[in-house]
Amino acid sequence: MALTPQQLDRHKRHILLKEIGGPGVQKLMNAKVSIIGAGALGGPCAMYLAAAGVGEIELWDADTVDRSNLQRQVQFTEDDIGEAKVRSLAARLKAANADCRVNAQPRRWSVAQKLSGDILIDATDNFETRFELNRAAHASGRVLVSGAATRWSGQVSVFASGVKAGTPCYQCFVPEAPPEAEACEDVGVVGPVTGIVASHMALETLKLVTGAGQPLIGKIIVLDGLGGVTRQIGLPRDPACPVCGIESGA
C-alpha cells in the first residue's frame, strides 16, 4: 500500500536513509512489537518505536505511576501519578502517532498469556520474568531484545536462538538469577543511563524490522556511564543451556 502524503512527510528523514527508505517505512508500519515493562526502559523505547511508525505496540505492566518514577520515566508527568503505566503510556503513543495501534495490558505478563508481537522486548526488572520471556521467545521462534540498567551502567543485547541456529539465548548469558540481584529501587539508577539503554533497544528493534545493519545477536553492548565508556562483548552459546543447549533438544 502506498504511503499517504502525510506519511511521506512524517517519515521523510527515514526515507532519505538508504538502509531504510520507503520499503523500510512500510515494514515498520506492518510491524508488531510486544514490550514487557512500561517503565524507564519500556516507556522511552515504545515512544521511539511509535514515532518511527511501528504499526502495533503491545504493552504489559501491572504498575501504576509513582512520584519516584518521574526522575527517569520521562514518558510520564505528575498528572499521571496513580494511573496505570500502560494506559498513560498508550495515550502518549497515540498522541505521537495516531496510526499506531496500541494494546495496553495493565497486568503482569506470564507464560499463560500469548504475546502478539513478532519481536519481543524485555524491559522488565526481575529475573523470573526475563527467564520466562527468553523461553517464550526461543520456543516461538521470535527475536528477543533485552535491556537492563542500574546505578551508572546499562546493557543491551539481542537474542535469536529460536531463529538463528547456534546463537545464544538470554540464559546462556545469565544461567541463573544472582543470589542478591540489585534492583533500582534499592541501589538507585541515573535517569540518562536508562534513556540511553531504552534508545538502543529501540534502535536494535528498528534494525531488526527494516533489515538495516547488523543486530546485536551474539553480542552485548555494556555502558559505563560514570567512566564514559561503551564496550561490545561477544556472547557464546552455552551447549549445556537448559533452553537452547544441545541437551535441551533445541
C-alpha atoms as a PDB file:
ATOM      1  CA  MET A   1       0.000   0.000   0.000  1.00  0.00           C
ATOM      2  CA  ALA A   2       1.367   3.409  -0.981  1.00  0.00           C
ATOM      3  CA  LEU A   3       2.221   5.930   1.713  1.00  0.00           C
ATOM      4  CA  THR A   4      -0.136   8.883   2.068  1.00  0.00           C
ATOM      5  CA  PRO A   5       1.213  12.435   1.654  1.00  0.00           C
ATOM      6  CA  GLN A   6       1.045  12.837   5.439  1.00  0.00           C
ATOM      7  CA  GLN A   7       3.005   9.618   5.992  1.00  0.00           C
ATOM      8  CA  LEU A   8       5.583  10.609   3.391  1.00  0.00           C
ATOM      9  CA  ASP A   9       6.052  13.921   5.181  1.00  0.00           C
ATOM     10  CA  ARG A  10       6.222  12.309   8.621  1.00  0.00           C
ATOM     11  CA  HIS A  11       8.789   9.683   7.688  1.00  0.00           C
ATOM     12  CA  LYS A  12      10.904  11.657   5.174  1.00  0.00           C
ATOM     13  CA  ARG A  13      14.033  11.509   7.385  1.00  0.00           C
ATOM     14  CA  HIS A  14      13.861   7.703   7.420  1.00  0.00           C
ATOM     15  CA  ILE A  15      13.042   7.551   3.711  1.00  0.00           C
ATOM     16  CA  LEU A  16      16.238   9.500   2.991  1.00  0.00           C
ATOM     17  CA  LEU A  17      18.315   6.738   4.600  1.00  0.00           C
ATOM     18  CA  LYS A  18      19.334   4.147   2.007  1.00  0.00           C
ATOM     19  CA  GLU A  19      19.201   1.418   4.674  1.00  0.00           C
ATOM     20  CA  ILE A  20      15.506   2.156   5.331  1.00  0.00           C
ATOM     21  CA  GLY A  21      13.861   4.102   2.510  1.00  0.00           C
ATOM     22  CA  GLY A  22      10.215   3.719   1.577  1.00  0.00           C
ATOM     23  CA  PRO A  23      10.252  -0.108   1.799  1.00  0.00           C
ATOM     24  CA  GLY A  24      11.671   0.064   5.322  1.00  0.00           C
ATOM     25  CA  VAL A  25       8.980   2.502   6.408  1.00  0.00           C
ATOM     26  CA  GLN A  26       6.363   0.085   5.060  1.00  0.00           C
ATOM     27  CA  LYS A  27       7.961  -2.722   7.091  1.00  0.00           C
ATOM     28  CA  LEU A  28       7.797  -0.571  10.208  1.00  0.00           C
ATOM     29  CA  MET A  29       4.137   0.215   9.611  1.00  0.00           C
ATOM     30  CA  ASN A  30       3.403  -3.509   9.310  1.00  0.00           C
ATOM     31  CA  ALA A  31       5.473  -4.467  12.363  1.00  0.00           C
ATOM     32  CA  LYS A  32       4.033  -5.805  15.622  1.00  0.00           C
ATOM     33  CA  VAL A  33       6.063  -5.429  18.800  1.00  0.00           C
ATOM     34  CA  SER A  34       5.375  -6.618  22.350  1.00  0.00           C
ATOM     35  CA  ILE A  35       7.026  -4.622  25.141  1.00  0.00           C
ATOM     36  CA  ILE A  36       7.035  -6.154  28.605  1.00  0.00           C
ATOM     37  CA  GLY A  37       7.603  -3.379  31.105  1.00  0.00           C
ATOM     38  CA  ALA A  38       6.440   0.234  30.674  1.00  0.00           C
ATOM     39  CA  GLY A  39       8.922   1.926  32.974  1.00  0.00           C
ATOM     40  CA  ALA A  40      12.292   3.579  32.458  1.00  0.00           C
ATOM     41  CA  LEU A  41      13.279   1.265  29.587  1.00  0.00           C
ATOM     42  CA  GLY A  42       9.991   0.199  28.032  1.00  0.00           C
ATOM     43  CA  GLY A  43       8.427   3.655  28.003  1.00  0.00           C
ATOM     44  CA  PRO A  44      11.042   5.619  26.037  1.00  0.00           C
ATOM     45  CA  CYS A  45      11.641   2.588  23.811  1.00  0.00           C
ATOM     46  CA  ALA A  46       7.931   2.472  22.977  1.00  0.00           C
ATOM     47  CA  MET A  47       7.844   6.203  22.256  1.00  0.00           C
ATOM     48  CA  TYR A  48      10.703   5.967  19.763  1.00  0.00           C
ATOM     49  CA  LEU A  49       9.095   2.969  18.065  1.00  0.00           C
ATOM     50  CA  ALA A  50       5.704   4.673  17.792  1.00  0.00           C
ATOM     51  CA  ALA A  51       7.344   7.825  16.430  1.00  0.00           C
ATOM     52  CA  ALA A  52       9.206   5.691  13.880  1.00  0.00           C
ATOM     53  CA  GLY A  53       5.918   4.321  12.585  1.00  0.00           C
ATOM     54  CA  VAL A  54       5.702   0.849  14.138  1.00  0.00           C
ATOM     55  CA  GLY A  55       2.173  -0.274  13.351  1.00  0.00           C
ATOM     56  CA  GLU A  56       1.227  -2.157  16.508  1.00  0.00           C
ATOM     57  CA  ILE A  57       2.664  -1.993  20.020  1.00  0.00           C
ATOM     58  CA  GLU A  58       1.522  -4.273  22.824  1.00  0.00           C
ATOM     59  CA  LEU A  59       2.317  -3.083  26.368  1.00  0.00           C
ATOM     60  CA  TRP A  60       2.420  -5.190  29.543  1.00  0.00           C
ATOM     61  CA  ASP A  61       2.910  -3.756  33.034  1.00  0.00           C
ATOM     62  CA  ALA A  62       0.914  -4.092  36.256  1.00  0.00           C
ATOM     63  CA  ASP A  63       2.354  -0.977  37.929  1.00  0.00           C
ATOM     64  CA  THR A  64       0.878   2.457  38.454  1.00  0.00           C
ATOM     65  CA  VAL A  65       2.860   5.673  38.137  1.00  0.00           C
ATOM     66  CA  ASP A  66       4.630   6.692  41.345  1.00  0.00           C
ATOM     67  CA  ARG A  67       6.229  10.058  42.046  1.00  0.00           C
ATOM     68  CA  SER A  68       9.631   8.359  42.364  1.00  0.00           C
ATOM     69  CA  ASN A  69       9.303   7.177  38.739  1.00  0.00           C
ATOM     70  CA  LEU A  70       9.395  10.715  37.356  1.00  0.00           C
ATOM     71  CA  GLN A  71      13.164  11.080  37.872  1.00  0.00           C
ATOM     72  CA  ARG A  72      13.789   8.775  34.891  1.00  0.00           C
ATOM     73  CA  GLN A  73      10.499   7.655  33.308  1.00  0.00           C
ATOM     74  CA  VAL A  74      10.170  10.688  31.071  1.00  0.00           C
ATOM     75  CA  GLN A  75       7.037   9.385  29.357  1.00  0.00           C
ATOM     76  CA  PHE A  76       5.043  10.320  32.478  1.00  0.00           C
ATOM     77  CA  THR A  77       4.133  13.601  34.166  1.00  0.00           C
ATOM     78  CA  GLU A  78       2.891  14.485  37.634  1.00  0.00           C
ATOM     79  CA  ASP A  79      -0.656  14.285  36.280  1.00  0.00           C
ATOM     80  CA  ASP A  80      -0.122  10.548  35.687  1.00  0.00           C
ATOM     81  CA  ILE A  81       0.640   9.682  39.318  1.00  0.00           C
ATOM     82  CA  GLY A  82      -1.635   6.847  40.430  1.00  0.00           C
ATOM     83  CA  GLU A  83      -2.625   5.919  36.875  1.00  0.00           C
ATOM     84  CA  ALA A  84      -1.820   2.588  35.234  1.00  0.00           C
ATOM     85  CA  LYS A  85       1.519   2.948  33.462  1.00  0.00           C
ATOM     86  CA  VAL A  86       0.400   1.186  30.293  1.00  0.00           C
ATOM     87  CA  ARG A  87      -2.711   3.362  29.950  1.00  0.00           C
ATOM     88  CA  SER A  88      -0.805   6.620  30.406  1.00  0.00           C
ATOM     89  CA  LEU A  89       1.899   5.416  28.022  1.00  0.00           C
ATOM     90  CA  ALA A  90      -0.680   4.291  25.461  1.00  0.00           C
ATOM     91  CA  ALA A  91      -2.142   7.797  25.445  1.00  0.00           C
ATOM     92  CA  ARG A  92       1.330   9.264  24.792  1.00  0.00           C
ATOM     93  CA  LEU A  93       1.936   6.855  21.925  1.00  0.00           C
ATOM     94  CA  LYS A  94      -1.392   7.648  20.274  1.00  0.00           C
ATOM     95  CA  ALA A  95      -0.730  11.371  20.669  1.00  0.00           C
ATOM     96  CA  ALA A  96       2.654  10.913  18.993  1.00  0.00           C
ATOM     97  CA  ASN A  97       1.349   8.758  16.146  1.00  0.00           C
ATOM     98  CA  ALA A  98      -2.367   8.284  15.583  1.00  0.00           C
ATOM     99  CA  ASP A  99      -1.637   5.461  13.112  1.00  0.00           C
ATOM    100  CA  CYS A 100      -0.048   3.316  15.824  1.00  0.00           C
ATOM    101  CA  ARG A 101      -2.338   0.642  17.262  1.00  0.00           C
ATOM    102  CA  VAL A 102      -1.693   0.219  20.992  1.00  0.00           C
ATOM    103  CA  ASN A 103      -2.836  -2.739  23.075  1.00  0.00           C
ATOM    104  CA  ALA A 104      -2.394  -1.849  26.751  1.00  0.00           C
ATOM    105  CA  GLN A 105      -2.413  -4.713  29.257  1.00  0.00           C
ATOM    106  CA  PRO A 106      -2.414  -3.338  32.840  1.00  0.00           C
ATOM    107  CA  ARG A 107      -1.215  -6.598  34.386  1.00  0.00           C
ATOM    108  CA  ARG A 108       1.949  -8.585  34.802  1.00  0.00           C
ATOM    109  CA  TRP A 109       2.801 -10.813  31.859  1.00  0.00           C
ATOM    110  CA  SER A 110       3.193 -14.547  32.464  1.00  0.00           C
ATOM    111  CA  VAL A 111       3.705 -17.541  30.192  1.00  0.00           C
ATOM    112  CA  ALA A 112      -0.052 -18.166  30.306  1.00  0.00           C
ATOM    113  CA  GLN A 113      -0.637 -15.032  28.196  1.00  0.00           C
ATOM    114  CA  LYS A 114       0.015 -15.050  24.464  1.00  0.00           C
ATOM    115  CA  LEU A 115       2.119 -12.212  23.081  1.00  0.00           C
ATOM    116  CA  SER A 116       1.064 -10.722  19.741  1.00  0.00           C
ATOM    117  CA  GLY A 117       4.384  -9.175  18.713  1.00  0.00           C
ATOM    118  CA  ASP A 118       6.705 -10.518  16.044  1.00  0.00           C
ATOM    119  CA  ILE A 119       9.538  -9.060  18.145  1.00  0.00           C
ATOM    120  CA  LEU A 120       9.573  -9.263  21.953  1.00  0.00           C
ATOM    121  CA  ILE A 121      11.188  -6.525  24.037  1.00  0.00           C
ATOM    122  CA  ASP A 122      12.279  -7.294  27.587  1.00  0.00           C
ATOM    123  CA  ALA A 123      12.142  -4.076  29.606  1.00  0.00           C
ATOM    124  CA  THR A 124      11.443  -5.799  32.923  1.00  0.00           C
ATOM    125  CA  ASP A 125      13.266  -5.536  36.226  1.00  0.00           C
ATOM    126  CA  ASN A 126      13.167  -9.093  37.547  1.00  0.00           C
ATOM    127  CA  PHE A 127      14.943 -12.270  36.528  1.00  0.00           C
ATOM    128  CA  GLU A 128      11.924 -14.574  36.776  1.00  0.00           C
ATOM    129  CA  THR A 129      10.121 -12.709  34.005  1.00  0.00           C
ATOM    130  CA  ARG A 130      13.325 -12.398  31.977  1.00  0.00           C
ATOM    131  CA  PHE A 131      13.796 -16.165  32.022  1.00  0.00           C
ATOM    132  CA  GLU A 132      10.138 -16.769  31.108  1.00  0.00           C
ATOM    133  CA  LEU A 133      10.350 -14.307  28.209  1.00  0.00           C
ATOM    134  CA  ASN A 134      13.538 -15.912  26.976  1.00  0.00           C
ATOM    135  CA  ARG A 135      11.920 -19.349  26.952  1.00  0.00           C
ATOM    136  CA  ALA A 136       8.829 -17.972  25.199  1.00  0.00           C
ATOM    137  CA  ALA A 137      10.927 -16.238  22.527  1.00  0.00           C
ATOM    138  CA  HIS A 138      13.027 -19.343  21.881  1.00  0.00           C
ATOM    139  CA  ALA A 139      10.052 -21.719  21.768  1.00  0.00           C
ATOM    140  CA  SER A 140       8.038 -19.488  19.415  1.00  0.00           C
ATOM    141  CA  GLY A 141      10.918 -18.624  17.088  1.00  0.00           C
ATOM    142  CA  ARG A 142      10.867 -14.905  17.843  1.00  0.00           C
ATOM    143  CA  VAL A 143      13.679 -12.464  18.480  1.00  0.00           C
ATOM    144  CA  LEU A 144      14.118 -11.004  21.971  1.00  0.00           C
ATOM    145  CA  VAL A 145      15.557  -7.520  22.507  1.00  0.00           C
ATOM    146  CA  SER A 146      16.814  -7.213  26.074  1.00  0.00           C
ATOM    147  CA  GLY A 147      17.987  -4.254  28.127  1.00  0.00           C
ATOM    148  CA  ALA A 148      18.899  -3.533  31.735  1.00  0.00           C
ATOM    149  CA  ALA A 149      20.177  -0.594  33.766  1.00  0.00           C
ATOM    150  CA  THR A 150      21.268   0.019  37.341  1.00  0.00           C
ATOM    151  CA  ARG A 151      23.345   2.669  39.108  1.00  0.00           C
ATOM    152  CA  TRP A 152      25.541   4.196  36.341  1.00  0.00           C
ATOM    153  CA  SER A 153      25.626   1.208  33.998  1.00  0.00           C
ATOM    154  CA  GLY A 154      23.458  -0.459  31.396  1.00  0.00           C
ATOM    155  CA  GLN A 155      23.459  -3.191  28.789  1.00  0.00           C
ATOM    156  CA  VAL A 156      21.616  -4.136  25.606  1.00  0.00           C
ATOM    157  CA  SER A 157      21.583  -7.354  23.604  1.00  0.00           C
ATOM    158  CA  VAL A 158      19.518  -9.250  21.032  1.00  0.00           C
ATOM    159  CA  PHE A 159      18.769 -12.950  21.397  1.00  0.00           C
ATOM    160  CA  ALA A 160      17.622 -15.018  18.417  1.00  0.00           C
ATOM    161  CA  SER A 161      18.298 -18.610  19.483  1.00  0.00           C
ATOM    162  CA  GLY A 162      14.921 -19.769  18.165  1.00  0.00           C
ATOM    163  CA  VAL A 163      15.530 -18.106  14.791  1.00  0.00           C
ATOM    164  CA  LYS A 164      19.258 -18.344  14.116  1.00  0.00           C
ATOM    165  CA  ALA A 165      20.808 -21.715  14.963  1.00  0.00           C
ATOM    166  CA  GLY A 166      23.963 -21.674  17.035  1.00  0.00           C
ATOM    167  CA  THR A 167      23.359 -18.263  18.615  1.00  0.00           C
ATOM    168  CA  PRO A 168      22.935 -17.820  22.375  1.00  0.00           C
ATOM    169  CA  CYS A 169      19.774 -17.159  24.323  1.00  0.00           C
ATOM    170  CA  TYR A 170      19.471 -14.970  27.416  1.00  0.00           C
ATOM    171  CA  GLN A 171      20.014 -17.914  29.742  1.00  0.00           C
ATOM    172  CA  CYS A 172      23.348 -18.684  28.076  1.00  0.00           C
ATOM    173  CA  PHE A 173      24.350 -15.209  29.278  1.00  0.00           C
ATOM    174  CA  VAL A 174      22.678 -15.425  32.708  1.00  0.00           C
ATOM    175  CA  PRO A 175      22.369 -19.125  33.681  1.00  0.00           C
ATOM    176  CA  GLU A 176      20.520 -18.325  36.911  1.00  0.00           C
ATOM    177  CA  ALA A 177      19.411 -15.319  38.918  1.00  0.00           C
ATOM    178  CA  PRO A 178      22.153 -13.868  41.127  1.00  0.00           C
ATOM    179  CA  PRO A 179      21.517 -14.638  44.819  1.00  0.00           C
ATOM    180  CA  GLU A 180      21.387 -10.923  45.624  1.00  0.00           C
ATOM    181  CA  ALA A 181      20.150  -9.291  42.429  1.00  0.00           C
ATOM    182  CA  GLU A 182      20.219  -5.495  42.582  1.00  0.00           C
ATOM    183  CA  ALA A 183      17.035  -3.532  41.988  1.00  0.00           C
ATOM    184  CA  CYS A 184      16.948   0.149  41.051  1.00  0.00           C
ATOM    185  CA  GLU A 185      14.653   0.863  43.987  1.00  0.00           C
ATOM    186  CA  ASP A 186      17.382  -0.408  46.333  1.00  0.00           C
ATOM    187  CA  VAL A 187      20.617   0.846  44.734  1.00  0.00           C
ATOM    188  CA  GLY A 188      19.444   3.707  42.515  1.00  0.00           C
ATOM    189  CA  VAL A 189      19.899   4.472  38.830  1.00  0.00           C
ATOM    190  CA  VAL A 190      20.832   7.552  36.801  1.00  0.00           C
ATOM    191  CA  GLY A 191      17.995   8.686  34.551  1.00  0.00           C
ATOM    192  CA  PRO A 192      20.017   9.338  31.374  1.00  0.00           C
ATOM    193  CA  VAL A 193      21.501   5.827  31.575  1.00  0.00           C
ATOM    194  CA  THR A 194      18.030   4.316  31.290  1.00  0.00           C
ATOM    195  CA  GLY A 195      17.341   6.669  28.383  1.00  0.00           C
ATOM    196  CA  ILE A 196      20.469   5.540  26.538  1.00  0.00           C
ATOM    197  CA  VAL A 197      19.612   1.875  27.058  1.00  0.00           C
ATOM    198  CA  ALA A 198      15.982   2.406  26.005  1.00  0.00           C
ATOM    199  CA  SER A 199      17.071   4.247  22.863  1.00  0.00           C
ATOM    200  CA  HIS A 200      19.483   1.465  21.935  1.00  0.00           C
ATOM    201  CA  MET A 201      16.727  -1.117  22.456  1.00  0.00           C
ATOM    202  CA  ALA A 202      14.544   0.856  20.040  1.00  0.00           C
ATOM    203  CA  LEU A 203      17.466   1.127  17.605  1.00  0.00           C
ATOM    204  CA  GLU A 204      18.022  -2.642  17.607  1.00  0.00           C
ATOM    205  CA  THR A 205      14.301  -3.190  17.036  1.00  0.00           C
ATOM    206  CA  LEU A 206      14.284  -0.799  14.061  1.00  0.00           C
ATOM    207  CA  LYS A 207      17.286  -2.639  12.591  1.00  0.00           C
ATOM    208  CA  LEU A 208      15.557  -5.992  13.003  1.00  0.00           C
ATOM    209  CA  VAL A 209      12.356  -4.780  11.335  1.00  0.00           C
ATOM    210  CA  THR A 210      13.997  -2.982   8.415  1.00  0.00           C
ATOM    211  CA  GLY A 211      16.984  -5.282   7.910  1.00  0.00           C
ATOM    212  CA  ALA A 212      19.404  -2.373   8.312  1.00  0.00           C
ATOM    213  CA  GLY A 213      22.888  -3.019   9.649  1.00  0.00           C
ATOM    214  CA  GLN A 214      23.923  -5.836  11.959  1.00  0.00           C
ATOM    215  CA  PRO A 215      21.773  -6.509  15.040  1.00  0.00           C
ATOM    216  CA  LEU A 216      23.437  -7.369  18.349  1.00  0.00           C
ATOM    217  CA  ILE A 217      22.836 -11.106  18.003  1.00  0.00           C
ATOM    218  CA  GLY A 218      25.514 -12.969  19.948  1.00  0.00           C
ATOM    219  CA  LYS A 219      26.871  -9.673  21.279  1.00  0.00           C
ATOM    220  CA  ILE A 220      26.161  -7.304  24.128  1.00  0.00           C
ATOM    221  CA  ILE A 221      26.718  -3.567  24.494  1.00  0.00           C
ATOM    222  CA  VAL A 222      27.846  -2.606  28.010  1.00  0.00           C
ATOM    223  CA  LEU A 223      27.646   1.045  29.065  1.00  0.00           C
ATOM    224  CA  ASP A 224      29.718   2.567  31.869  1.00  0.00           C
ATOM    225  CA  GLY A 225      28.063   5.930  32.278  1.00  0.00           C
ATOM    226  CA  LEU A 226      30.363   7.076  35.070  1.00  0.00           C
ATOM    227  CA  GLY A 227      33.508   6.382  33.056  1.00  0.00           C
ATOM    228  CA  GLY A 228      32.029   7.384  29.706  1.00  0.00           C
ATOM    229  CA  VAL A 229      32.939   4.035  28.141  1.00  0.00           C
ATOM    230  CA  THR A 230      30.896   1.698  25.939  1.00  0.00           C
ATOM    231  CA  ARG A 231      32.116  -1.815  25.121  1.00  0.00           C
ATOM    232  CA  GLN A 232      30.846  -4.556  22.815  1.00  0.00           C
ATOM    233  CA  ILE A 233      31.406  -8.111  24.044  1.00  0.00           C
ATOM    234  CA  GLY A 234      30.763 -11.391  22.260  1.00  0.00           C
ATOM    235  CA  LEU A 235      28.323 -13.839  23.870  1.00  0.00           C
ATOM    236  CA  PRO A 236      28.915 -17.557  23.200  1.00  0.00           C
ATOM    237  CA  ARG A 237      26.165 -20.155  23.183  1.00  0.00           C
ATOM    238  CA  ASP A 238      26.230 -22.492  26.185  1.00  0.00           C
ATOM    239  CA  PRO A 239      25.925 -26.117  24.971  1.00  0.00           C
ATOM    240  CA  ALA A 240      24.561 -27.032  28.413  1.00  0.00           C
ATOM    241  CA  CYS A 241      21.905 -24.279  28.432  1.00  0.00           C
ATOM    242  CA  PRO A 242      18.531 -25.712  29.541  1.00  0.00           C
ATOM    243  CA  VAL A 243      16.723 -23.558  26.956  1.00  0.00           C
ATOM    244  CA  CYS A 244      18.778 -23.675  23.760  1.00  0.00           C
ATOM    245  CA  GLY A 245      21.658 -26.063  24.505  1.00  0.00           C
ATOM    246  CA  ILE A 246      22.358 -29.443  22.954  1.00  0.00           C
ATOM    247  CA  GLU A 247      20.976 -31.374  25.921  1.00  0.00           C
ATOM    248  CA  SER A 248      17.734 -29.380  25.808  1.00  0.00           C
ATOM    249  CA  GLY A 249      16.975 -30.829  22.376  1.00  0.00           C
ATOM    250  CA  ALA A 250      16.803 -27.339  20.864  1.00  0.00           C
END
